[in-house]
Protein backbone atom coordinates (compact mmCIF):
# COMPACT_ATOMS: atom_id res chain seq x y z
CA MET A 1 -7.99 8.30 -24.91
CA LYS A 2 -4.42 7.13 -25.47
CA THR A 3 -4.95 7.24 -29.24
CA LYS A 4 -6.17 10.84 -29.01
CA LYS A 5 -3.04 11.81 -27.05
CA ASN A 6 -0.84 10.02 -29.59
CA ASN A 7 -2.63 11.79 -32.46
CA GLU A 8 -2.10 15.14 -30.76
CA GLN A 9 1.57 14.27 -30.18
CA LEU A 10 1.97 13.33 -33.85
CA ASP A 11 0.32 16.59 -34.97
CA MET A 12 2.55 18.66 -32.65
CA PHE A 13 5.70 16.83 -33.74
CA MET A 14 4.91 17.14 -37.43
CA ALA A 15 4.15 20.85 -37.02
CA SER A 16 7.54 21.33 -35.38
CA ILE A 17 9.46 19.82 -38.30
CA ASP A 18 10.86 22.24 -40.86
CA ASN A 19 9.68 20.87 -44.20
CA SER A 20 11.30 23.63 -46.24
CA HIS A 21 13.36 21.01 -48.05
CA GLU A 22 10.13 19.41 -49.31
CA GLU A 23 8.06 20.58 -52.27
CA LYS A 24 5.55 23.29 -51.45
CA GLU A 25 2.48 21.33 -52.60
CA ASP A 26 3.19 18.41 -50.25
CA ASN A 27 0.74 17.87 -47.42
CA SER A 28 1.37 16.19 -44.08
CA ALA A 29 -0.81 13.19 -44.96
CA LYS A 30 1.94 11.85 -47.19
CA TYR A 31 4.18 11.55 -44.14
CA ILE A 32 1.86 9.12 -42.37
CA ASN A 33 2.58 5.48 -43.10
CA GLU A 34 -0.73 3.71 -42.53
CA ASP A 35 1.06 0.37 -42.11
CA LEU A 36 2.67 1.68 -38.91
CA SER A 37 1.29 2.65 -35.52
CA ILE A 38 1.21 6.28 -34.46
CA ARG A 39 4.24 5.72 -32.23
CA GLN A 40 6.15 4.08 -35.10
CA ASN A 41 5.28 7.01 -37.36
CA LEU A 42 6.63 9.37 -34.72
CA VAL A 43 9.86 7.39 -34.49
CA TRP A 44 10.17 7.33 -38.29
CA ARG A 45 9.60 11.10 -38.56
CA LEU A 46 12.12 11.83 -35.79
CA ILE A 47 14.82 9.67 -37.35
CA SER A 48 14.09 11.04 -40.84
CA HIS A 49 14.22 14.63 -39.61
CA ASN A 50 17.47 14.14 -37.73
CA SER A 51 19.07 12.35 -40.67
CA LEU A 52 17.83 14.45 -43.60
CA VAL A 53 17.47 17.92 -42.08
CA GLU A 54 20.03 17.98 -39.28
CA ASN A 55 22.48 15.47 -40.84
CA ARG A 56 22.93 13.57 -37.61
CA LYS A 57 22.15 10.23 -36.02
CA THR A 58 19.32 9.62 -33.57
CA THR A 59 20.10 7.90 -30.28
CA GLN A 60 17.89 5.41 -28.53
CA ARG A 61 17.74 7.81 -25.56
CA GLU A 62 16.56 10.68 -27.79
CA ILE A 63 13.74 8.52 -29.18
CA TYR A 64 12.73 7.59 -25.63
CA GLU A 65 12.75 11.24 -24.52
CA LYS A 66 10.83 12.63 -27.53
CA VAL A 67 8.29 9.90 -28.29
CA ALA A 68 5.78 8.81 -25.64
CA GLY A 69 5.03 5.17 -24.97
CA PHE A 70 8.42 3.65 -24.27
CA ASP A 71 9.75 2.26 -20.98
CA TRP A 72 13.43 2.83 -20.18
CA ASN A 73 15.48 0.28 -18.21
CA GLU A 74 17.83 2.29 -15.97
CA GLU A 75 19.90 -0.75 -14.91
CA PRO A 76 23.57 0.00 -15.68
CA THR A 77 24.15 -3.61 -16.71
CA ALA A 78 21.26 -3.65 -19.19
CA HIS A 79 22.42 -4.49 -22.69
CA ASP A 80 19.41 -2.77 -24.25
CA HIS A 81 17.64 -0.03 -22.34
CA CYS A 82 14.49 -0.14 -24.50
CA PRO A 83 13.87 -3.20 -26.70
CA ALA A 84 10.53 -1.71 -27.86
CA ILE A 85 12.42 0.98 -29.79
CA TRP A 86 14.29 -1.68 -31.75
CA ASN A 87 11.05 -3.56 -32.39
CA ASP A 88 9.48 -0.39 -33.78
CA ILE A 89 12.53 0.30 -35.97
CA LYS A 90 12.36 -3.28 -37.29
CA ASP A 91 8.69 -2.77 -38.18
CA ILE A 92 9.51 0.55 -39.86
CA ASN A 93 12.26 -1.06 -41.93
CA GLU A 94 9.99 -3.93 -42.93
CA SER A 95 7.09 -1.68 -43.87
CA PRO A 96 6.40 -1.66 -47.62
CA ASN A 97 5.81 2.11 -47.55
């Protein structure tokens, strides 16, 4: 059930991205990295979109708010509010694709 929700979230997110900067014959399958989880693919797409299309950085808070599956530590003294985001980014960076 959770996988179905994540797949639906990925489909909705990918549909919301303006791919006008991409070639017309591209299909959305090329944007899925099979080495990554659905959540990691969502994080990768969000960061890529913000960087390449909107020319801006992506905050940890924005990833938490837009991608389901993360827990946020609200403690004001917390050094890292969501270590899982950094773990996903590490996996994305280490992915061969």
